[in-house]
Amino acid sequence: MAQIKIGLFGFGVVGQGIFQVIQRAKNAHAEIVRICVRSLDKPRKVAADPALFTTTADDILNDPQINLIVEVIDDAQASYNIVKKALLKGIPVVSGNKTMIANHLPELIEIQKNNNVALLYDASSCGSIPVIRNLEEYYDNDLLLEVKGILNGSSNYILSRVFDHKDSYAEALAQAQALGFAESDPSFDIEGYDSLFKLVIITVHALGTYVAPERIFTYGISTIHDSDIQYAREKGVKIKLVAQVVKVSDEHFTMFVMPEFVSPSKYIYSVDDEYNGVVIRGECYDRQFMFGKGAGSLPTASSILSDVMARLHDYRYEYKKLKYVQKPDYTTDIMLKIYARYSATDVLNILKFEKIHEQYIGEESNYVIGSIRLSELLEKRKNLSEPDVFLANIPIFFLNKDN
């Protein structure tokens, strides 16, 4: 069997995990022959031969023995430049950079087709859970109705500490940062962008349609308050940060990322700590559930290794659903039921609710539960970012199918 000679870009937490996993894997038929990093002097926990390292990308891109690029750097623009250059040269790539892929996927699909080359990125969405490969291979038909789940381990860890261990939000965030589950600037995770980019990628493989990130309503957990937590506890539910893409008719689908009240009967209710959980729903097979570690060095590295092994057999994504004659169109003209908590900000004046189901006015905060169009939330998103405002989705899709 042919040997895979890997040029690795990035030797941070994930890069070092890949180095360890490939050394351990007996049947990988792969070796890392060059590693490109920003700094040669940076201290690293995993020891590697100094002769492997370079700071010049072209040392890898122009090396004739390298037949696979593995790219796990955290700079989306640099990632894009490397991946595009490699694909144009006909070198297959495995990438874990969900920000880069979500923003450039249509172009990268076109380059793959025109240059007869493969880009694999299962590690970009949900770490160790093989969501992309399953959507490509097993769910490669138009019976799929919904993909929904917890796609970000950092925010889920924080909410788990709050609901299962009764930590305050600030304590839970500090602990997530101390353990390395959240960055020193945690906004990418807790504001929902990490989940958003994963959802964009998943949707291409689920329904065959690309929707640019800026067109999707995204709302995070940074403004969650004790009163929201108390309300959820009184109702016997947990708050989870949930991403979902839903077929609302044969002709249309919708997608969004926001906190959700999750009842104990739902699969994702029990997805705790840094784990991810994805529910795939279809017309004929009801629901199927995938669970696993969504972040961390070795779980992500194992997903990268799976893509490396797939290249041994010349595997590539076929993007079959992109070729469907009748693909559903993206819409935000759908009704949601939401909980909106506020104090000084006049949410009832900002948002145009179609129907108000419940309203509470208190000394410290107020809340309203009402029906509202997703398009209205998207249009008013900037007005909802005040620290005294928090929104959560109250699920209404497929309730009749979950009994």
Protein backbone atom coordinates (compact mmCIF):
# COMPACT_ATOMS: atom_id res chain seq x y z
CA MET A 1 0.00 0.00 0.00
CA ALA A 2 1.26 3.48 -0.90
CA GLN A 3 2.70 5.56 1.90
CA ILE A 4 1.16 8.93 2.66
CA LYS A 5 3.75 11.63 3.15
CA ILE A 6 2.19 14.46 5.12
CA GLY A 7 3.08 18.13 5.19
CA LEU A 8 1.56 19.45 8.43
CA PHE A 9 0.62 23.11 8.89
CA GLY A 10 0.25 24.01 12.57
CA PHE A 11 1.74 22.38 15.64
CA GLY A 12 -0.48 23.70 18.39
CA VAL A 13 -2.78 21.57 20.54
CA VAL A 14 -4.42 19.80 17.57
CA GLY A 15 -1.24 19.59 15.47
CA GLN A 16 0.62 17.92 18.32
CA GLY A 17 -2.34 15.56 18.79
CA ILE A 18 -2.14 14.58 15.11
CA PHE A 19 1.60 13.93 15.46
CA GLN A 20 0.93 11.62 18.43
CA VAL A 21 -2.02 9.81 16.82
CA ILE A 22 -0.18 9.11 13.57
CA GLN A 23 2.79 7.74 15.50
CA ARG A 24 0.44 5.42 17.44
CA ALA A 25 -1.63 4.23 14.47
CA LYS A 26 -0.22 0.96 13.19
CA ASN A 27 -2.19 0.86 9.94
CA ALA A 28 -2.07 4.52 8.97
CA HIS A 29 0.66 4.01 6.32
CA ALA A 30 1.39 7.69 6.88
CA GLU A 31 4.22 9.78 8.21
CA ILE A 32 4.67 13.48 8.83
CA VAL A 33 7.72 14.59 6.84
CA ARG A 34 7.51 18.38 7.31
CA ILE A 35 5.84 20.73 9.78
CA CYS A 36 5.25 24.43 9.10
CA VAL A 37 4.91 26.70 12.14
CA ARG A 38 4.95 30.43 12.82
CA SER A 39 7.74 30.22 15.40
CA LEU A 40 10.50 27.63 15.71
CA ASP A 41 11.28 28.66 19.30
CA LYS A 42 7.81 28.26 20.82
CA PRO A 43 7.83 25.69 23.67
CA ARG A 44 5.75 22.59 22.89
CA LYS A 45 4.63 19.65 25.00
CA VAL A 46 5.18 17.08 22.25
CA ALA A 47 8.78 16.50 21.17
CA ALA A 48 9.48 16.21 17.45
CA ASP A 49 12.71 16.19 15.46
CA PRO A 50 13.75 19.86 14.96
CA ALA A 51 14.75 18.98 11.38
CA LEU A 52 11.04 18.51 10.53
CA PHE A 53 10.18 22.16 11.20
CA THR A 54 10.08 25.13 8.85
CA THR A 55 8.49 28.58 8.91
CA THR A 56 8.15 28.72 5.11
CA ALA A 57 4.93 27.37 3.60
CA ASP A 58 6.52 26.76 0.20
CA ASP A 59 8.97 24.29 1.78
CA ILE A 60 5.94 22.00 2.08
CA LEU A 61 3.91 23.09 -0.96
CA ASN A 62 6.88 22.63 -3.31
CA ASP A 63 8.17 19.37 -1.82
CA PRO A 64 7.59 16.63 -4.47
CA GLN A 65 7.48 13.80 -1.91
CA ILE A 66 4.54 15.34 0.01
CA ASN A 67 1.24 13.89 -1.27
CA LEU A 68 -1.12 15.16 1.44
CA ILE A 69 -1.42 18.49 3.26
CA VAL A 70 -2.94 18.47 6.77
CA GLU A 71 -3.85 21.99 7.86
CA VAL A 72 -4.81 22.82 11.47
CA ILE A 73 -3.83 26.45 11.97
CA ASP A 74 -6.12 28.95 13.72
CA ASP A 75 -5.69 31.84 11.24
CA ALA A 76 -8.59 31.55 8.76
CA GLN A 77 -7.00 33.76 6.08
CA ALA A 78 -3.65 31.93 6.21
CA SER A 79 -5.55 28.63 6.17
CA TYR A 80 -7.45 29.71 3.04
CA ASN A 81 -4.25 30.74 1.25
CA ILE A 82 -2.54 27.42 2.03
CA VAL A 83 -5.52 25.21 1.19
CA LYS A 84 -6.30 27.02 -2.06
CA LYS A 85 -2.67 26.94 -3.20
CA ALA A 86 -2.35 23.23 -2.40
CA LEU A 87 -5.57 22.31 -4.22
CA LEU A 88 -4.59 24.35 -7.28
CA LYS A 89 -1.32 22.39 -7.32
CA GLY A 90 -3.32 19.15 -7.22
CA ILE A 91 -2.27 18.22 -3.67
CA PRO A 92 -5.15 16.79 -1.57
CA VAL A 93 -5.83 18.51 1.75
CA VAL A 94 -7.30 17.56 5.13
CA SER A 95 -8.40 20.65 7.10
CA GLY A 96 -9.97 21.33 10.48
CA ASN A 97 -10.58 25.07 10.01
CA LYS A 98 -14.35 25.52 10.14
CA THR A 99 -14.19 29.35 9.84
CA MET A 100 -12.25 29.18 6.58
CA ILE A 101 -14.32 26.34 5.11
CA ALA A 102 -17.68 27.91 6.01
CA ASN A 103 -16.71 31.19 4.34
CA HIS A 104 -15.13 29.73 1.18
CA LEU A 105 -16.82 26.37 0.57
CA PRO A 106 -18.43 27.08 -2.85
CA GLU A 107 -15.07 28.20 -4.27
CA LEU A 108 -13.23 25.24 -2.70
CA ILE A 109 -15.78 22.78 -4.14
CA GLU A 110 -15.25 24.30 -7.59
CA ILE A 111 -11.44 24.08 -7.28
CA GLN A 112 -11.70 20.42 -6.25
CA LYS A 113 -13.81 19.67 -9.31
CA ASN A 114 -11.65 21.60 -11.78
CA ASN A 115 -8.37 20.16 -10.48
CA ASN A 116 -9.58 16.62 -9.75
CA VAL A 117 -8.33 16.89 -6.17
CA ALA A 118 -9.87 16.20 -2.74
CA LEU A 119 -10.45 18.37 0.32
CA LEU A 120 -11.62 16.49 3.42
CA TYR A 121 -12.76 18.26 6.59
CA ASP A 122 -14.77 15.98 8.88
CA ALA A 123 -12.74 17.34 11.82
CA SER A 124 -14.12 20.85 11.19
CA SER A 125 -17.58 19.87 12.44
CA CYS A 126 -17.99 18.18 15.83
CA GLY A 127 -14.48 16.89 16.48
CA SER A 128 -14.57 13.11 16.77
CA ILE A 129 -18.16 12.68 15.47
CA PRO A 130 -18.13 11.72 11.74
CA VAL A 131 -21.10 13.90 10.79
CA ILE A 132 -19.94 14.97 7.31
CA ARG A 133 -19.02 11.46 6.14
CA ASN A 134 -22.36 10.08 7.34
CA LEU A 135 -24.36 12.83 5.65
CA GLU A 136 -22.37 12.23 2.44
CA GLU A 137 -22.61 8.45 2.38
CA TYR A 138 -25.49 7.17 4.51
CA TYR A 139 -27.96 10.05 4.28
CA ASP A 140 -27.30 10.69 0.57
CA ASN A 141 -30.98 11.09 -0.33
CA ASP A 142 -33.72 13.68 -0.01
CA LEU A 143 -35.56 12.02 2.91
CA LEU A 144 -33.59 14.04 5.46
CA LEU A 145 -35.72 16.50 7.46
CA GLU A 146 -33.47 17.96 10.14
CA VAL A 147 -29.98 18.05 11.59
CA LYS A 148 -29.93 19.54 15.05
CA GLY A 149 -27.57 19.47 17.97
CA ILE A 150 -24.93 20.75 20.30
CA LEU A 151 -21.98 21.55 18.07
CA ASN A 152 -19.76 23.48 20.49
CA GLY A 153 -18.05 21.80 23.44
CA SER A 154 -16.99 25.01 25.22
CA SER A 155 -20.44 26.55 25.60
CA ASN A 156 -21.89 23.15 26.47
CA TYR A 157 -19.32 22.66 29.22
CA ILE A 158 -20.25 26.06 30.69
CA LEU A 159 -24.00 25.35 30.60
CA SER A 160 -23.43 21.87 32.08
CA ARG A 161 -21.59 23.39 35.05
CA VAL A 162 -24.46 25.85 35.52
CA PHE A 163 -27.32 23.33 35.33
CA ASP A 164 -25.74 20.14 36.70
CA HIS A 165 -23.36 21.59 39.30
CA LYS A 166 -25.13 24.88 40.12
CA ASP A 167 -22.04 26.99 39.33
CA SER A 168 -22.63 30.60 38.39
CA TYR A 169 -22.12 31.47 34.72
CA ALA A 170 -18.94 33.44 35.58
CA GLU A 171 -17.51 30.51 37.60
CA ALA A 172 -18.31 28.04 34.82
CA LEU A 173 -16.68 30.23 32.17
CA ALA A 174 -13.54 30.67 34.29
CA GLN A 175 -13.32 26.90 34.80
CA ALA A 176 -13.77 26.24 31.05
CA GLN A 177 -10.92 28.66 30.35
CA ALA A 178 -8.70 27.07 33.03
CA LEU A 179 -9.24 23.62 31.50
CA GLY A 180 -8.55 24.86 27.96
CA PHE A 181 -12.14 24.27 26.73
CA ALA A 182 -12.60 28.02 26.20
CA GLU A 183 -10.12 30.62 24.94
CA SER A 184 -9.05 33.69 26.93
CA ASP A 185 -11.42 35.54 24.53
CA PRO A 186 -14.32 33.06 24.55
CA SER A 187 -16.64 35.05 22.27
CA PHE A 188 -16.17 32.76 19.21
CA ASP A 189 -17.68 29.89 21.21
CA ILE A 190 -20.18 31.54 23.53
CA GLU A 191 -21.60 33.94 20.91
CA GLY A 192 -22.44 30.96 18.69
CA TYR A 193 -20.03 31.55 15.78
CA ASP A 194 -18.23 28.23 16.15
CA SER A 195 -21.62 26.45 15.98
CA LEU A 196 -22.70 28.66 13.07
CA PHE A 197 -19.71 27.78 10.88
CA LYS A 198 -20.15 24.07 11.61
CA LEU A 199 -23.85 24.36 10.71
CA VAL A 200 -23.05 26.04 7.37
CA ILE A 201 -20.76 23.12 6.46
CA ILE A 202 -23.20 20.48 7.69
CA THR A 203 -26.03 22.04 5.64
CA VAL A 204 -24.09 21.71 2.38
CA HIS A 205 -23.78 17.97 3.02
CA ALA A 206 -27.28 17.58 4.50
CA LEU A 207 -29.36 19.45 1.91
CA GLY A 208 -26.95 20.41 -0.89
CA THR A 209 -27.29 24.16 -0.36
CA TYR A 210 -24.72 26.70 0.79
CA VAL A 211 -25.94 29.61 2.91
CA ALA A 212 -23.42 32.35 3.74
CA PRO A 213 -22.90 32.75 7.53
CA GLU A 214 -24.06 36.37 7.62
CA ARG A 215 -27.53 35.33 6.38
CA ILE A 216 -28.14 33.09 9.41
CA PHE A 217 -29.55 34.21 12.76
CA THR A 218 -26.97 33.49 15.46
CA TYR A 219 -27.40 34.24 19.15
CA GLY A 220 -25.17 33.04 21.98
CA ILE A 221 -25.19 32.56 25.75
CA SER A 222 -22.99 35.44 26.95
CA THR A 223 -25.93 37.39 28.42
CA ILE A 224 -27.54 34.48 30.27
CA HIS A 225 -28.66 35.57 33.74
CA ASP A 226 -29.62 33.88 37.02
CA SER A 227 -33.27 34.67 36.27
CA ASP A 228 -33.11 32.68 32.97
CA ILE A 229 -31.50 29.74 34.77
CA GLN A 230 -34.14 29.90 37.50
CA TYR A 231 -36.96 30.04 34.93
CA ALA A 232 -35.57 26.96 33.13
CA ARG A 233 -35.22 25.04 36.41
CA GLU A 234 -38.81 25.86 37.37
CA LYS A 235 -39.97 24.47 34.02
CA GLY A 236 -37.85 21.30 34.43
CA VAL A 237 -35.68 22.03 31.38
CA LYS A 238 -32.04 22.90 30.65
CA ILE A 239 -30.74 25.68 28.42
CA LYS A 240 -28.42 24.41 25.66
CA LEU A 241 -26.81 26.29 22.77
CA VAL A 242 -28.36 24.53 19.77
CA ALA A 243 -27.70 24.75 16.04
CA GLN A 244 -30.26 23.41 13.61
CA VAL A 245 -31.16 23.11 9.95
CA VAL A 246 -34.78 22.12 9.35
CA LYS A 247 -36.76 21.31 6.22
CA VAL A 248 -40.01 23.21 6.80
CA SER A 249 -41.59 22.05 3.51
CA ASP A 250 -40.58 20.25 0.31
CA GLU A 251 -39.54 23.61 -1.12
CA HIS A 252 -37.93 25.37 1.88
CA PHE A 253 -35.58 24.89 4.80
CA THR A 254 -34.44 27.18 7.58
CA MET A 255 -31.46 27.30 9.92
CA PHE A 256 -30.35 29.19 13.03
CA VAL A 257 -28.19 29.01 16.16
CA MET A 258 -29.57 30.06 19.53
CA PRO A 259 -30.05 28.92 23.13
CA GLU A 260 -32.94 26.51 23.52
CA PHE A 261 -35.06 25.17 26.36
CA VAL A 262 -34.42 21.42 26.15
CA SER A 263 -36.76 19.00 27.93
CA PRO A 264 -35.57 15.72 29.51
CA SER A 265 -37.24 13.66 26.75
CA LYS A 266 -34.80 15.01 24.12
CA TYR A 267 -31.57 13.21 23.28
CA ILE A 268 -29.46 16.35 23.61
CA TYR A 269 -30.72 16.99 27.17
CA SER A 270 -28.14 14.48 28.44
CA VAL A 271 -25.24 15.75 26.32
CA ASP A 272 -23.07 17.35 28.98
CA ASP A 273 -19.59 18.75 29.61
CA GLU A 274 -17.44 19.23 26.48
CA TYR A 275 -19.37 16.62 24.48
CA ASN A 276 -21.30 17.23 21.27
CA GLY A 277 -24.53 15.52 20.24
CA VAL A 278 -26.20 15.55 16.82
CA VAL A 279 -29.73 14.36 15.99
CA ILE A 280 -30.44 13.49 12.35
CA ARG A 281 -34.13 13.18 11.49
CA GLY A 282 -35.59 11.65 8.34
CA GLU A 283 -38.98 10.92 6.85
CA CYS A 284 -38.64 7.15 7.11
CA TYR A 285 -36.08 6.53 9.85
CA ASP A 286 -37.36 8.95 12.53
CA ARG A 287 -34.33 10.10 14.59
CA GLN A 288 -30.74 8.91 14.83
CA PHE A 289 -28.33 10.26 17.40
CA MET A 290 -24.54 10.71 17.29
CA PHE A 291 -22.58 11.54 20.43
CA GLY A 292 -18.90 12.17 21.10
CA LYS A 293 -16.19 14.58 22.18
CA GLY A 294 -16.45 17.69 20.09
CA ALA A 295 -13.17 19.32 21.00
CA GLY A 296 -9.71 18.64 22.34
CA SER A 297 -6.40 17.51 20.96
CA LEU A 298 -6.82 13.75 20.55
CA PRO A 299 -10.54 13.57 19.62
CA THR A 300 -9.98 16.10 16.81
CA ALA A 301 -6.75 14.36 15.81
CA SER A 302 -8.58 11.02 15.54
CA SER A 303 -11.01 12.62 13.09
CA ILE A 304 -8.08 14.01 11.08
CA LEU A 305 -6.53 10.53 11.06
CA SER A 306 -9.80 9.10 9.71
CA ASP A 307 -9.62 11.55 6.79
CA VAL A 308 -5.92 10.70 6.25
CA MET A 309 -6.81 6.99 6.13
CA ALA A 310 -9.68 7.73 3.72
CA ARG A 311 -7.15 9.27 1.33
CA LEU A 312 -5.31 5.90 1.25
CA HIS A 313 -8.37 4.69 -0.66
CA ASP A 314 -8.70 7.85 -2.77
CA TYR A 315 -11.87 8.86 -0.90
CA ARG A 316 -13.38 12.26 -1.68
CA TYR A 317 -16.70 13.98 -1.07
CA GLU A 318 -19.03 13.63 -4.06
CA TYR A 319 -21.37 16.49 -3.08
CA LYS A 320 -24.25 14.52 -4.64
CA LYS A 321 -26.93 16.73 -3.15
CA LEU A 322 -25.51 19.82 -4.87
CA LYS A 323 -26.57 18.18 -8.15
CA TYR A 324 -30.20 17.59 -7.15
CA VAL A 325 -32.69 19.10 -9.59
CA GLN A 326 -35.13 20.13 -6.86
CA LYS A 327 -33.24 21.41 -3.83
CA PRO A 328 -35.07 23.26 -1.06
CA ASP A 329 -34.47 27.02 -0.82
CA TYR A 330 -33.37 28.80 2.34
CA THR A 331 -36.04 30.89 4.06
CA THR A 332 -36.30 32.99 7.21
CA ASP A 333 -40.02 33.54 6.67
CA ILE A 334 -41.00 31.06 9.36
CA MET A 335 -42.53 31.38 12.80
CA LEU A 336 -40.60 30.62 16.00
CA LYS A 337 -41.69 30.66 19.61
CA ILE A 338 -39.14 32.43 21.81
CA TYR A 339 -38.47 33.50 25.39
CA ALA A 340 -37.08 37.05 25.61
CA ARG A 341 -35.83 38.39 28.95
CA TYR A 342 -34.99 42.07 29.34
CA SER A 343 -34.85 44.93 31.82
CA ALA A 344 -33.95 48.43 30.55
CA THR A 345 -33.98 47.54 26.83
CA ASP A 346 -37.48 47.93 25.40
CA VAL A 347 -37.69 44.52 23.71
CA LEU A 348 -41.43 44.76 23.12
CA ASN A 349 -40.86 47.96 21.15
CA ILE A 350 -37.87 46.56 19.23
CA LEU A 351 -39.39 43.21 18.25
CA LYS A 352 -42.66 42.78 16.42
CA PHE A 353 -44.26 39.70 18.00
CA GLU A 354 -47.12 38.15 16.03
CA LYS A 355 -48.63 36.76 19.25
CA ILE A 356 -47.71 37.03 22.93
CA HIS A 357 -48.39 33.86 24.91
CA GLU A 358 -47.05 34.91 28.32
CA GLN A 359 -45.64 38.06 29.88
CA TYR A 360 -44.02 38.79 33.22
CA ILE A 361 -42.94 42.15 34.66
CA GLY A 362 -40.73 42.05 37.75
CA GLU A 363 -38.58 44.40 39.81
CA GLU A 364 -35.26 43.18 38.38
CA SER A 365 -36.22 41.79 34.97
CA ASN A 366 -39.13 41.06 32.67
CA TYR A 367 -39.77 38.37 30.12
CA VAL A 368 -42.13 37.69 27.27
CA ILE A 369 -42.90 34.45 25.47
CA GLY A 370 -44.20 35.03 22.00
CA SER A 371 -44.43 33.94 18.37
CA ILE A 372 -42.15 35.83 16.02
CA ARG A 373 -40.78 35.48 12.51
CA LEU A 374 -37.14 34.43 12.14
CA SER A 375 -36.71 37.22 9.58
CA GLU A 376 -37.66 39.73 12.30
CA LEU A 377 -35.00 38.35 14.67
CA LEU A 378 -32.39 38.46 11.92
CA GLU A 379 -33.27 42.05 11.02
CA LYS A 380 -33.16 43.22 14.66
CA ARG A 381 -30.12 41.15 15.74
CA LYS A 382 -27.93 44.20 16.45
CA ASN A 383 -30.61 45.69 18.72
CA LEU A 384 -30.68 42.51 20.80
CA SER A 385 -27.03 42.50 21.87
CA GLU A 386 -27.46 44.57 25.04
CA PRO A 387 -26.24 42.83 28.23
CA ASP A 388 -29.73 42.98 29.78
CA VAL A 389 -31.32 40.95 26.94
CA PHE A 390 -31.37 37.16 26.55
CA LEU A 391 -33.27 35.08 24.00
CA ALA A 392 -34.01 31.36 23.95
CA ASN A 393 -35.88 29.21 21.46
CA ILE A 394 -38.87 27.16 22.59
CA PRO A 395 -38.96 24.24 20.12
CA ILE A 396 -42.02 23.88 17.89
CA PHE A 397 -40.75 21.71 15.00
CA PHE A 398 -41.68 17.99 14.92
CA LEU A 399 -43.31 18.04 18.38
CA ASN A 400 -46.00 15.69 17.06
CA LYS A 401 -43.32 13.17 16.03
CA ASP A 402 -41.49 12.98 19.36
CA ASN A 403 -44.21 11.44 21.51
